[in-house]
Amino acid sequence: MTAEADGPLRDLCERARGPDKTVTTFGPDPYADLEPVLEQFDVTLAHEYLPLPESEGYLTVSVDGRSVGSISAAAFGELRDPDSGLPWDAATRESAYRDLVELLAGTAFVMDDKGHLLATAREIEDRAFRHGRGHLYAAFQSLSAFRAQVPVYERLVGRTDLRATVFGAPDWEPPEVDRLTVRLDDADDVTDFWVVAFDGAGDDDAKCAMIAEEVEPGEYTGVVTYDPVIVDDLTAYLDEVG
């Protein structure tokens, strides 16, 4: 079943969009092999020539001409091939791709690369793990898609004071895990989407979410947000349908 055109999750995805952003690379030549990564995001791309070695270049993300952050060329490899490893791994947590996701929060993306999408979702799960308490939500298109993530969520709730709720179409029965609730989405209220959301245990600075809709087989459009109002409305909706 396809989500309604004016469905709550799609509305939240639209509301989560922030101001337009520009990504500018600086160096001797445009970093052409980086463009496929950056073009996944709805940003303006630019390049400015600087007479320095390619390895010493960098990129900036700006809003209305004001820089909000930068990433060095030494880390560009992590943008092209992000580590989608476990949320608590230091290498995953400190990756440049996580930095890019945070800098481009509120910017719509279109991704057909499952690795990039999983790395994006890991940013939300890692924030929840580090916070150590609160409620983590995850919606998959089917519970069988959650199968590979069961060990991850067992550790997320087993090593912290987190609670987790997982949604999915009932095509597989997950094992019982303490502090992990499984909701069967028979009505397809949420499972046209891949959602990962963390309520921050009431801390506005810790609230975060990814909302992504599969618009074509294997292609997702969505957004990452750290807006506490959006996250509150999202988790309230998930509580309602759950």
Foldseek 3Di string as FASTA:
>chain_A
DDADPPAPLVVLQVVFADAAKEKEKEEQDDPVLLVVLVVQWRHHYYYDYDDDDQQAIKMFMDGPPHTPDIGGSVQSVCSNQPDLDALPDPCLQPHVLLVVQVSCFNIKGKDLDVRSVSSSLSNLLNLLQVLQEFEKEWEAAAVVVCVVVVVRVLCSVVVGVYAYEYEYAYPDDDDDHPRYHYDHCPVPSQHQWTKIWTLSNVDLQSTKMWIWGCPDVSMIMGGIHSGNVSRVVVVVVVVVSD
